[in-house]
Amino acid sequence: MRQRVLIGVGSVVVAVGLFLAYLRMARAFPINGDGASNALQAWDMFHGNPLLKGWALSDVSFYPTELVQYGIVQWFTGVTADQVHVTAAITYTMIVFLAALLARGKATGLEAWLRIGVAVAILLLPVPGTGYQTLLSSPNHTGSAVPLLLAWLVLDRVRHRVWTPVLIAVLLGWGAMGDPLVTFVAAVPLAVVCAYRAVRGDRVYELSLVAAAVVSVVISRGFRHLLDALGAFESPHPPIELAPVSDWPHRAWMTARMVGVIFGTHRPGWHPFAFELLLSALHLLGFAVALVAFFVCLVRAVRGTADRVDSVMIAAITCNLGAEIVSTISVDLMAAREIAPVLPMAAALAARLAGPWLASPVRGVRIGRGVLAGVLAIFALTVVVYAPPRAEPSEAQEAADFLRDRGQTYGLGAYWASNNITVTTERRVTVAPVTGGGAGLIPFCWQSQTSQYDAARFDARFVVFEKDRPFYGTPEQAEHMWGPPVERHDVGKYAILLYNINLLRGFPPHCG
């Protein structure tokens, strides 16, 4: 009993420490229009509009998952730029703990701690730059790993019961409601693996898991139809198709670089120092262990000798990476978020393979234990002492400061200089997103709300443009619609046009 209490207290202390460290890292990257949009949606959800009626969301809604998390955090922080960072830090802390629990499996004693150590070593230290943006920024597919890992924990740790497949179906369905990626990297692999195992073993239980995978899709799609019937938000389907075969080699190379970003072995635009070279080498060691574990477990899965959850994770990783290579999903380093769930699954898989070996009495294993202890010590020390420079609270911060100082309260702006200004000024300055449409401007029907363009409710007196992104609108288009502004101010890369009329009068209605 005393040991359990100590472990519980220690876990809480570690969780708080990791959260604070990841919060520092998250603050090193400014929020953008996407995270700000999610923050505003969560606020609206929890303040009288639970169905987000009138909103046009992105093709990944995060509605029952991270938007709920945002809303809970806002009870303590309000709608602020820092709220985005706080939520990202909480999410990644949860992922580290869930992956460690999955890595432990049913092991006890020394082997359990070694398994946890391997998983934590792979996950503990995201790399600055693109790594922070992928793993510690606004809602993206990283957070979708939470329901996925919970489902695999139930699959691994809960005994075969009638309600076990039901719980897995609910967890995967819940995840897929917010992010369709969960269907492709969780439900599909679970169905395929368990159908294959049913041919070789316990048909009843394996087929019940196949049914759980199918039911999770029914739950997520049924939920979407229910929302449509209730007049909830709009969310377009992701435009995914099969990419031309000639594109596959390039996409495979870019996917490999994306894997390097999430594992910390690839740092684009990086000018290394000696200590950073050491960190990258240690990350590469963790990646090598995960790679070996993947192929060993793949062979075992094909032979039918692998553990069920190991086989499912192998299939899930393959589906996630394979989709990046053969589909039309955007493939660049910024798209590393699309494969973020690969990292905790690979870490757990590596730990489940390496743990038993590290715990064995074989001569020479102590060297491996020493290496693991050294890696953990170096990474833990880096997490504690490294304080990355804190970025501006949000993209377009200089434009936000200008508008607030001039007493402006409502206006229009290019997408990447709209909702983020609203959030970083804590809604003192509200900017409705617009984009270029022909000779003029039109509402930007993505992460926006119909009521934002209602002239009877709001009085818009300015427009903000990004001079280096003219496809989101230009000052010339504004002047074509409303004539010359009373004032024009060039603030950094932003052009701000001030008017003495309500720009929403006669403005095109929101698409819908």
Protein backbone atom coordinates (compact mmCIF):
# COMPACT_ATOMS: atom_id res chain seq x y z
CA MET A 1 0.00 0.00 0.00
CA ARG A 2 2.79 2.40 0.95
CA GLN A 3 4.58 1.68 -2.32
CA ARG A 4 1.43 2.47 -4.32
CA VAL A 5 1.01 5.76 -2.47
CA LEU A 6 4.61 6.72 -3.19
CA ILE A 7 4.22 5.81 -6.86
CA GLY A 8 1.00 7.83 -7.03
CA VAL A 9 2.54 10.89 -5.41
CA GLY A 10 5.64 10.57 -7.57
CA SER A 11 3.52 10.32 -10.71
CA VAL A 12 1.67 13.51 -9.81
CA VAL A 13 4.94 15.35 -9.18
CA VAL A 14 6.38 14.13 -12.49
CA ALA A 15 3.18 15.06 -14.34
CA VAL A 16 3.25 18.61 -12.94
CA GLY A 17 6.94 18.94 -13.78
CA LEU A 18 6.43 17.71 -17.33
CA PHE A 19 3.46 20.01 -17.81
CA LEU A 20 5.48 23.05 -16.75
CA ALA A 21 8.38 22.05 -18.99
CA TYR A 22 6.13 21.45 -21.99
CA LEU A 23 4.35 24.75 -21.31
CA ARG A 24 7.71 26.54 -21.67
CA MET A 25 8.29 24.74 -24.95
CA ALA A 26 4.79 25.47 -26.23
CA ARG A 27 5.25 29.17 -25.48
CA ALA A 28 8.28 29.19 -27.76
CA PHE A 29 5.90 28.99 -30.73
CA PRO A 30 3.23 31.66 -31.33
CA ILE A 31 -0.40 30.69 -31.79
CA ASN A 32 -1.90 31.08 -35.26
CA GLY A 33 -5.34 31.37 -36.82
CA ASP A 34 -6.14 27.68 -36.42
CA GLY A 35 -5.58 27.46 -32.68
CA ALA A 36 -7.28 30.81 -32.14
CA SER A 37 -10.32 29.63 -34.13
CA ASN A 38 -10.58 26.53 -31.95
CA ALA A 39 -10.36 28.68 -28.83
CA LEU A 40 -13.25 30.87 -30.02
CA GLN A 41 -15.31 27.80 -30.95
CA ALA A 42 -14.77 26.29 -27.50
CA TRP A 43 -15.82 29.55 -25.85
CA ASP A 44 -19.00 29.64 -27.94
CA MET A 45 -19.69 25.96 -27.14
CA PHE A 46 -19.58 26.60 -23.41
CA HIS A 47 -21.46 29.91 -23.56
CA GLY A 48 -24.83 29.23 -25.08
CA ASN A 49 -24.07 27.57 -28.42
CA PRO A 50 -23.20 23.91 -27.65
CA LEU A 51 -23.91 22.79 -31.23
CA LEU A 52 -21.81 25.64 -32.69
CA LYS A 53 -24.69 26.63 -34.94
CA GLY A 54 -23.60 29.04 -37.66
CA TRP A 55 -19.97 27.97 -37.55
CA ALA A 56 -18.01 26.66 -40.54
CA LEU A 57 -15.23 24.53 -39.05
CA SER A 58 -12.22 22.95 -40.73
CA ASP A 59 -12.32 19.44 -42.20
CA VAL A 60 -11.24 18.17 -38.75
CA SER A 61 -13.65 19.53 -36.16
CA PHE A 62 -12.11 18.31 -32.85
CA TYR A 63 -15.65 18.95 -31.59
CA PRO A 64 -16.08 16.33 -28.82
CA THR A 65 -12.36 16.02 -28.06
CA GLU A 66 -10.01 19.00 -27.96
CA LEU A 67 -12.72 21.67 -28.17
CA VAL A 68 -14.13 20.26 -24.93
CA GLN A 69 -10.63 20.31 -23.45
CA TYR A 70 -10.23 23.94 -24.56
CA GLY A 71 -13.53 24.84 -22.94
CA ILE A 72 -12.51 23.28 -19.62
CA VAL A 73 -9.15 25.10 -19.65
CA GLN A 74 -10.93 28.38 -20.42
CA TRP A 75 -12.79 28.13 -17.11
CA PHE A 76 -9.43 28.94 -15.52
CA THR A 77 -7.73 31.08 -18.18
CA GLY A 78 -10.46 32.70 -20.25
CA VAL A 79 -9.94 33.14 -23.99
CA THR A 80 -6.24 33.97 -24.13
CA ALA A 81 -3.30 33.07 -26.31
CA ASP A 82 -1.70 31.28 -23.37
CA GLN A 83 -4.74 29.02 -23.08
CA VAL A 84 -3.66 27.39 -26.37
CA HIS A 85 -0.21 26.69 -24.93
CA VAL A 86 -1.62 25.35 -21.66
CA THR A 87 -3.87 22.90 -23.50
CA ALA A 88 -1.04 21.71 -25.75
CA ALA A 89 1.17 21.06 -22.70
CA ILE A 90 -1.61 19.11 -20.97
CA THR A 91 -2.20 17.01 -24.09
CA TYR A 92 1.43 16.04 -24.55
CA THR A 93 1.83 15.23 -20.85
CA MET A 94 -1.17 12.91 -21.15
CA ILE A 95 0.36 11.24 -24.21
CA VAL A 96 3.64 10.56 -22.40
CA PHE A 97 1.81 8.95 -19.47
CA LEU A 98 -0.59 6.91 -21.61
CA ALA A 99 2.25 5.64 -23.81
CA ALA A 100 4.23 4.69 -20.69
CA LEU A 101 1.26 2.71 -19.35
CA LEU A 102 0.81 0.99 -22.70
CA ALA A 103 4.52 0.23 -22.82
CA ARG A 104 4.39 -1.38 -19.39
CA GLY A 105 1.66 -3.80 -20.41
CA LYS A 106 1.23 -6.49 -17.80
CA ALA A 107 4.89 -6.54 -16.79
CA THR A 108 5.89 -6.09 -13.16
CA GLY A 109 9.02 -5.31 -11.20
CA LEU A 110 12.22 -4.36 -12.99
CA GLU A 111 10.89 -5.14 -16.45
CA ALA A 112 7.92 -2.81 -15.96
CA TRP A 113 10.20 0.09 -15.04
CA LEU A 114 12.55 -0.63 -17.93
CA ARG A 115 9.66 -0.65 -20.38
CA ILE A 116 8.41 2.67 -19.03
CA GLY A 117 11.93 4.04 -19.25
CA VAL A 118 12.33 3.17 -22.93
CA ALA A 119 8.98 4.73 -23.88
CA VAL A 120 9.65 7.90 -21.88
CA ALA A 121 13.14 8.23 -23.36
CA ILE A 122 11.68 8.30 -26.88
CA LEU A 123 8.89 10.76 -26.02
CA LEU A 124 10.38 12.98 -23.35
CA LEU A 125 12.13 15.69 -25.35
CA PRO A 126 10.48 17.15 -28.48
CA VAL A 127 12.89 19.14 -30.61
CA PRO A 128 12.57 22.91 -31.12
CA GLY A 129 11.11 24.42 -34.26
CA THR A 130 8.98 22.08 -36.32
CA GLY A 131 8.93 19.55 -33.50
CA TYR A 132 7.32 22.06 -31.15
CA GLN A 133 4.88 23.15 -33.85
CA THR A 134 3.86 19.53 -34.47
CA LEU A 135 3.64 18.19 -30.93
CA LEU A 136 3.10 21.27 -28.76
CA SER A 137 0.88 23.66 -30.67
CA SER A 138 -2.82 24.18 -31.42
CA PRO A 139 -5.23 21.25 -31.84
CA ASN A 140 -4.06 18.91 -34.55
CA HIS A 141 -3.75 15.18 -34.92
CA THR A 142 -1.36 14.93 -31.96
CA GLY A 143 -4.24 15.14 -29.51
CA SER A 144 -6.09 12.42 -31.42
CA ALA A 145 -3.54 9.99 -30.01
CA VAL A 146 -5.27 10.26 -26.60
CA PRO A 147 -8.47 8.27 -27.41
CA LEU A 148 -6.39 5.95 -29.57
CA LEU A 149 -3.96 5.12 -26.73
CA LEU A 150 -6.84 4.73 -24.29
CA ALA A 151 -8.44 2.18 -26.63
CA TRP A 152 -5.17 0.23 -26.92
CA LEU A 153 -4.81 0.28 -23.13
CA VAL A 154 -8.24 -1.31 -22.76
CA LEU A 155 -7.34 -3.84 -25.45
CA ASP A 156 -4.10 -4.68 -23.65
CA ARG A 157 -4.93 -4.49 -19.96
CA VAL A 158 -8.62 -5.35 -19.57
CA ARG A 159 -9.65 -8.98 -19.40
CA HIS A 160 -11.96 -10.41 -22.03
CA ARG A 161 -15.42 -9.27 -21.00
CA VAL A 162 -18.63 -8.66 -22.90
CA TRP A 163 -18.26 -4.92 -22.35
CA THR A 164 -14.60 -4.73 -23.42
CA PRO A 165 -15.33 -4.44 -27.18
CA VAL A 166 -18.11 -1.98 -26.34
CA LEU A 167 -15.70 0.28 -24.46
CA ILE A 168 -13.18 0.11 -27.31
CA ALA A 169 -15.90 0.98 -29.83
CA VAL A 170 -16.94 3.99 -27.74
CA LEU A 171 -13.36 5.25 -27.35
CA LEU A 172 -12.56 4.94 -31.05
CA GLY A 173 -15.94 6.36 -32.04
CA TRP A 174 -15.39 9.33 -29.72
CA GLY A 175 -11.95 9.96 -31.23
CA ALA A 176 -13.24 9.67 -34.79
CA MET A 177 -16.06 12.15 -34.06
CA GLY A 178 -13.41 14.82 -33.65
CA ASP A 179 -10.83 13.52 -36.10
CA PRO A 180 -11.55 11.09 -38.98
CA LEU A 181 -7.89 10.07 -38.87
CA VAL A 182 -8.78 7.82 -35.92
CA THR A 183 -10.91 5.66 -38.22
CA PHE A 184 -8.01 5.03 -40.58
CA VAL A 185 -5.22 4.58 -38.03
CA ALA A 186 -7.24 2.74 -35.37
CA ALA A 187 -10.56 1.23 -36.46
CA VAL A 188 -9.31 -0.15 -39.79
CA PRO A 189 -6.12 -1.71 -38.33
CA LEU A 190 -8.08 -3.20 -35.42
CA ALA A 191 -10.58 -4.80 -37.81
CA VAL A 192 -7.91 -6.19 -40.15
CA VAL A 193 -5.67 -7.59 -37.41
CA CYS A 194 -8.48 -9.18 -35.43
CA ALA A 195 -10.05 -10.68 -38.54
CA TYR A 196 -6.68 -12.24 -39.36
CA ARG A 197 -6.30 -13.54 -35.82
CA ALA A 198 -9.83 -14.93 -35.86
CA VAL A 199 -8.78 -17.33 -38.58
CA ARG A 200 -5.99 -18.62 -36.35
CA GLY A 201 -7.47 -18.58 -32.84
CA ASP A 202 -10.27 -17.34 -30.58
CA ARG A 203 -12.88 -16.56 -33.20
CA VAL A 204 -15.56 -15.27 -30.83
CA TYR A 205 -13.48 -12.63 -29.06
CA GLU A 206 -11.50 -11.58 -32.14
CA LEU A 207 -14.68 -11.17 -34.18
CA SER A 208 -16.21 -9.13 -31.36
CA LEU A 209 -13.25 -6.76 -31.72
CA VAL A 210 -13.82 -6.58 -35.47
CA ALA A 211 -17.40 -5.64 -34.65
CA ALA A 212 -16.11 -3.00 -32.21
CA ALA A 213 -14.08 -1.41 -35.00
CA VAL A 214 -17.12 -1.36 -37.29
CA VAL A 215 -19.39 0.01 -34.56
CA SER A 216 -16.89 2.81 -33.84
CA VAL A 217 -17.33 3.99 -37.43
CA VAL A 218 -21.11 3.76 -37.07
CA ILE A 219 -20.91 5.82 -33.86
CA SER A 220 -18.80 8.57 -35.43
CA ARG A 221 -20.83 8.76 -38.63
CA GLY A 222 -24.13 8.54 -36.76
CA PHE A 223 -23.01 11.38 -34.50
CA ARG A 224 -22.24 13.51 -37.55
CA HIS A 225 -25.67 12.82 -39.04
CA LEU A 226 -27.30 13.69 -35.72
CA LEU A 227 -25.45 17.01 -35.62
CA ASP A 228 -26.56 17.75 -39.17
CA ALA A 229 -30.17 17.01 -38.24
CA LEU A 230 -29.90 19.39 -35.28
CA GLY A 231 -28.48 22.17 -37.46
CA ALA A 232 -25.02 22.13 -35.89
CA PHE A 233 -21.77 23.37 -37.41
CA GLU A 234 -20.60 22.64 -40.95
CA SER A 235 -17.42 20.64 -41.47
CA PRO A 236 -16.31 19.61 -44.97
CA HIS A 237 -14.97 16.16 -45.71
CA PRO A 238 -11.17 15.99 -46.08
CA PRO A 239 -10.31 16.08 -49.81
CA ILE A 240 -8.31 12.85 -49.91
CA GLU A 241 -7.68 10.86 -53.08
CA LEU A 242 -5.06 8.42 -54.35
CA ALA A 243 -1.93 10.26 -55.47
CA PRO A 244 -0.33 9.42 -58.84
CA VAL A 245 2.15 6.57 -58.54
CA SER A 246 4.85 8.83 -59.96
CA ASP A 247 4.50 11.03 -56.83
CA TRP A 248 5.02 8.18 -54.39
CA PRO A 249 8.86 8.29 -54.26
CA HIS A 250 8.83 12.01 -53.42
CA ARG A 251 6.04 11.52 -50.90
CA ALA A 252 7.91 8.60 -49.32
CA TRP A 253 11.05 10.74 -48.93
CA MET A 254 9.07 13.61 -47.40
CA THR A 255 7.25 11.19 -45.08
CA ALA A 256 10.63 9.87 -43.92
CA ARG A 257 11.66 13.45 -43.08
CA MET A 258 8.37 13.94 -41.23
CA VAL A 259 9.15 10.83 -39.17
CA GLY A 260 12.52 12.41 -38.38
CA VAL A 261 10.76 15.56 -37.15
CA ILE A 262 8.48 13.77 -34.69
CA PHE A 263 11.29 11.50 -33.44
CA GLY A 264 13.71 14.42 -33.08
CA THR A 265 16.31 13.11 -35.54
CA HIS A 266 15.63 15.73 -38.23
CA ARG A 267 15.84 19.43 -37.42
CA PRO A 268 15.20 21.54 -40.55
CA GLY A 269 17.03 24.86 -40.62
CA TRP A 270 19.19 23.74 -37.70
CA HIS A 271 22.69 25.01 -36.93
CA PRO A 272 24.01 22.41 -34.48
CA PHE A 273 26.12 22.87 -31.41
CA ALA A 274 27.98 20.03 -29.75
CA PHE A 275 25.31 19.38 -27.12
CA GLU A 276 22.52 19.45 -29.72
CA LEU A 277 24.48 16.94 -31.79
CA LEU A 278 24.51 14.68 -28.74
CA LEU A 279 20.76 15.07 -28.28
CA SER A 280 20.12 14.23 -31.91
CA ALA A 281 22.34 11.16 -31.64
CA LEU A 282 20.37 10.00 -28.60
CA HIS A 283 17.09 10.60 -30.43
CA LEU A 284 18.48 8.58 -33.32
CA LEU A 285 19.20 5.73 -30.89
CA GLY A 286 15.58 5.76 -29.76
CA PHE A 287 14.39 5.79 -33.36
CA ALA A 288 16.64 2.82 -34.15
CA VAL A 289 15.14 0.81 -31.29
CA ALA A 290 11.64 1.69 -32.50
CA LEU A 291 12.53 0.72 -36.08
CA VAL A 292 13.91 -2.66 -35.00
CA ALA A 293 10.84 -3.24 -32.83
CA PHE A 294 8.57 -2.43 -35.78
CA PHE A 295 10.11 -5.01 -38.09
CA VAL A 296 10.49 -7.71 -35.43
CA CYS A 297 6.86 -7.30 -34.38
CA LEU A 298 5.77 -7.16 -38.03
CA VAL A 299 7.30 -10.59 -38.68
CA ARG A 300 5.69 -11.94 -35.51
CA ALA A 301 2.32 -10.47 -36.49
CA VAL A 302 2.42 -12.12 -39.92
CA ARG A 303 3.33 -15.43 -38.31
CA GLY A 304 0.54 -15.03 -35.78
CA THR A 305 2.88 -15.11 -32.78
CA ALA A 306 2.75 -11.43 -31.85
CA ASP A 307 0.76 -10.01 -28.99
CA ARG A 308 -2.62 -8.66 -30.10
CA VAL A 309 -2.01 -5.02 -29.19
CA ASP A 310 1.49 -5.14 -30.74
CA SER A 311 -0.04 -6.39 -33.98
CA VAL A 312 -2.67 -3.66 -33.93
CA MET A 313 -0.07 -0.94 -33.36
CA ILE A 314 2.05 -2.31 -36.21
CA ALA A 315 -0.97 -2.10 -38.51
CA ALA A 316 -1.88 1.37 -37.23
CA ILE A 317 1.62 2.74 -37.86
CA THR A 318 1.66 1.18 -41.32
CA CYS A 319 -1.74 2.69 -42.18
CA ASN A 320 -0.74 6.14 -40.97
CA LEU A 321 2.57 6.26 -42.84
CA GLY A 322 1.18 4.47 -45.89
CA ALA A 323 -1.64 6.99 -46.22
CA GLU A 324 0.88 9.82 -46.38
CA ILE A 325 2.74 8.10 -49.20
CA VAL A 326 -0.13 7.01 -51.47
CA SER A 327 -2.82 9.66 -50.86
CA THR A 328 -3.20 13.32 -51.74
CA ILE A 329 -2.84 14.41 -48.13
CA SER A 330 -0.58 17.46 -48.04
CA VAL A 331 2.99 16.23 -47.74
CA ASP A 332 5.53 18.70 -46.38
CA LEU A 333 7.27 19.05 -43.05
CA MET A 334 4.35 21.06 -41.65
CA ALA A 335 2.18 17.99 -42.34
CA ALA A 336 4.17 16.01 -39.77
CA ARG A 337 1.14 16.53 -37.52
CA GLU A 338 -0.71 14.04 -39.75
CA ILE A 339 1.56 11.24 -38.48
CA ALA A 340 1.92 12.46 -34.88
CA PRO A 341 0.10 9.39 -33.42
CA VAL A 342 2.91 7.23 -34.84
CA LEU A 343 5.31 8.55 -32.20
CA PRO A 344 3.63 7.30 -28.98
CA MET A 345 2.66 3.98 -30.60
CA ALA A 346 6.22 3.41 -31.84
CA ALA A 347 7.57 4.34 -28.39
CA ALA A 348 5.27 1.84 -26.69
CA LEU A 349 6.13 -0.83 -29.25
CA ALA A 350 9.88 -0.27 -28.79
CA ALA A 351 9.50 -0.49 -25.02
CA ARG A 352 7.46 -3.71 -25.16
CA LEU A 353 10.18 -5.34 -27.25
CA ALA A 354 13.26 -3.93 -25.50
CA GLY A 355 11.96 -4.20 -21.93
CA PRO A 356 12.11 -7.99 -21.60
CA TRP A 357 15.60 -8.05 -23.11
CA LEU A 358 16.86 -5.31 -20.76
CA ALA A 359 15.41 -7.19 -17.78
CA SER A 360 17.05 -10.49 -18.72
CA PRO A 361 20.10 -11.79 -16.82
CA VAL A 362 22.10 -12.15 -20.06
CA ARG A 363 25.68 -10.92 -19.76
CA GLY A 364 26.14 -7.52 -21.36
CA VAL A 365 22.56 -6.38 -20.77
CA ARG A 366 23.77 -4.08 -18.01
CA ILE A 367 25.38 -1.94 -20.72
CA GLY A 368 21.96 -1.45 -22.29
CA ARG A 369 20.49 -0.51 -18.93
CA GLY A 370 23.30 1.96 -18.38
CA VAL A 371 22.70 3.54 -21.80
CA LEU A 372 18.99 3.87 -21.03
CA ALA A 373 19.71 5.44 -17.64
CA GLY A 374 22.17 7.86 -19.25
CA VAL A 375 19.73 8.89 -21.99
CA LEU A 376 16.96 9.46 -19.47
CA ALA A 377 19.27 11.51 -17.24
CA ILE A 378 20.47 13.73 -20.10
CA PHE A 379 16.97 14.25 -21.47
CA ALA A 380 15.49 14.90 -18.03
CA LEU A 381 18.22 17.43 -17.23
CA THR A 382 17.60 19.16 -20.58
CA VAL A 383 13.86 19.31 -19.92
CA VAL A 384 14.51 20.90 -16.52
CA VAL A 385 17.18 23.47 -17.39
CA TYR A 386 16.44 24.34 -21.03
CA ALA A 387 14.26 27.44 -21.32
CA PRO A 388 13.55 28.22 -25.00
CA PRO A 389 13.00 31.88 -25.90
CA ARG A 390 9.37 32.87 -25.46
CA ALA A 391 7.74 33.89 -28.74
CA GLU A 392 5.21 36.64 -29.32
CA PRO A 393 1.79 35.46 -28.05
CA SER A 394 0.41 35.11 -31.58
CA GLU A 395 1.03 35.56 -35.26
CA ALA A 396 0.06 39.14 -36.28
CA GLN A 397 0.86 40.38 -32.78
CA GLU A 398 2.11 43.72 -34.09
CA ALA A 399 -1.16 44.29 -35.95
CA ALA A 400 -3.11 43.34 -32.83
CA ASP A 401 -1.14 45.82 -30.71
CA PHE A 402 -1.70 48.60 -33.24
CA LEU A 403 -5.46 48.04 -33.41
CA ARG A 404 -5.83 47.82 -29.65
CA ASP A 405 -3.78 50.99 -29.12
CA ARG A 406 -5.91 52.85 -31.68
CA GLY A 407 -9.11 51.85 -29.90
CA GLN A 408 -10.40 49.74 -32.78
CA THR A 409 -12.87 47.05 -31.69
CA TYR A 410 -14.28 45.33 -34.80
CA GLY A 411 -13.11 44.73 -38.34
CA LEU A 412 -12.20 42.30 -41.09
CA GLY A 413 -8.93 40.57 -41.85
CA ALA A 414 -7.13 37.91 -43.84
CA TYR A 415 -7.49 34.51 -42.17
CA TRP A 416 -4.02 34.43 -40.59
CA ALA A 417 -4.62 37.92 -39.18
CA SER A 418 -8.15 37.52 -37.89
CA ASN A 419 -9.17 35.06 -35.17
CA ASN A 420 -5.66 35.09 -33.71
CA ILE A 421 -5.92 38.87 -33.21
CA THR A 422 -9.28 38.33 -31.50
CA VAL A 423 -7.75 35.83 -29.08
CA THR A 424 -4.46 37.60 -28.39
CA THR A 425 -6.38 40.79 -27.48
CA GLU A 426 -8.72 38.68 -25.32
CA ARG A 427 -11.65 39.70 -27.57
CA ARG A 428 -11.09 43.42 -27.08
CA VAL A 429 -10.49 43.59 -30.85
CA THR A 430 -12.57 41.21 -32.97
CA VAL A 431 -11.50 40.45 -36.53
CA ALA A 432 -13.77 38.42 -38.82
CA PRO A 433 -11.85 36.39 -41.45
CA VAL A 434 -12.20 37.29 -45.13
CA THR A 435 -10.51 36.30 -48.36
CA GLY A 436 -10.19 37.57 -51.90
CA GLY A 437 -13.11 36.84 -54.23
CA GLY A 438 -12.95 38.29 -57.73
CA ALA A 439 -12.49 42.05 -57.60
CA GLY A 440 -13.54 42.27 -53.96
CA LEU A 441 -13.59 40.43 -50.64
CA ILE A 442 -15.89 37.70 -49.37
CA PRO A 443 -16.31 35.88 -46.03
CA PHE A 444 -13.73 33.17 -45.44
CA CYS A 445 -15.88 30.07 -44.99
CA TRP A 446 -13.40 28.19 -42.83
CA GLN A 447 -13.15 28.52 -39.05
CA SER A 448 -15.67 31.38 -39.08
CA GLN A 449 -19.22 32.11 -37.91
CA THR A 450 -22.12 33.51 -39.93
CA SER A 451 -23.02 36.08 -37.29
CA GLN A 452 -19.57 37.71 -37.57
CA TYR A 453 -20.70 39.36 -40.84
CA ASP A 454 -24.06 40.67 -39.57
CA ALA A 455 -24.19 44.46 -40.06
CA ALA A 456 -27.13 44.71 -37.64
CA ARG A 457 -24.97 43.35 -34.82
CA PHE A 458 -21.47 44.60 -35.57
CA ASP A 459 -19.80 47.74 -36.89
CA ALA A 460 -16.60 46.86 -38.79
CA ARG A 461 -14.27 49.82 -39.32
CA PHE A 462 -10.98 48.31 -40.50
CA VAL A 463 -9.42 45.64 -42.69
CA VAL A 464 -6.10 43.85 -42.08
CA PHE A 465 -4.12 42.31 -44.96
CA GLU A 466 -0.93 40.28 -45.14
CA LYS A 467 1.19 41.84 -47.85
CA ASP A 468 3.03 38.58 -48.53
CA ARG A 469 -0.18 36.52 -48.90
CA PRO A 470 -2.27 38.40 -51.48
CA PHE A 471 -4.50 35.39 -52.19
CA TYR A 472 -6.24 36.10 -48.85
CA GLY A 473 -7.17 39.57 -50.07
CA THR A 474 -5.48 42.83 -51.01
CA PRO A 475 -5.91 46.54 -50.23
CA GLU A 476 -6.87 47.05 -53.88
CA GLN A 477 -9.83 44.70 -53.46
CA ALA A 478 -10.91 46.60 -50.36
CA GLU A 479 -10.72 49.92 -52.18
CA HIS A 480 -12.73 48.45 -55.05
CA MET A 481 -15.54 47.66 -52.58
CA TRP A 482 -15.46 50.61 -50.19
CA GLY A 483 -13.27 53.24 -51.81
CA PRO A 484 -10.08 54.75 -50.38
CA PRO A 485 -9.62 54.32 -46.62
CA VAL A 486 -9.48 57.23 -44.23
CA GLU A 487 -6.06 56.00 -43.15
CA ARG A 488 -3.64 53.29 -44.22
CA HIS A 489 -0.93 51.98 -41.92
CA ASP A 490 1.80 49.50 -42.84
CA VAL A 491 2.73 47.62 -39.68
CA GLY A 492 5.45 45.07 -40.38
CA LYS A 493 4.15 42.78 -43.10
CA TYR A 494 0.55 43.90 -42.48
CA ALA A 495 -1.44 46.62 -44.24
CA ILE A 496 -4.22 48.06 -42.07
CA LEU A 497 -6.94 50.14 -43.70
CA LEU A 498 -9.19 52.28 -41.46
CA TYR A 499 -12.65 53.42 -42.61
CA ASN A 500 -15.39 55.64 -41.20
CA ILE A 501 -18.25 53.44 -42.48
CA ASN A 502 -19.57 50.03 -41.41
CA LEU A 503 -17.87 47.67 -43.88
CA LEU A 504 -20.48 44.98 -43.22
CA ARG A 505 -23.30 46.93 -44.85
CA GLY A 506 -23.85 45.26 -48.20
CA PHE A 507 -21.08 42.75 -47.52
CA PRO A 508 -21.74 39.32 -49.10
CA PRO A 509 -23.57 36.88 -46.81
CA HIS A 510 -21.60 34.04 -45.24
CA CYS A 511 -21.54 30.94 -47.41
CA GLY A 512 -23.63 28.09 -46.16
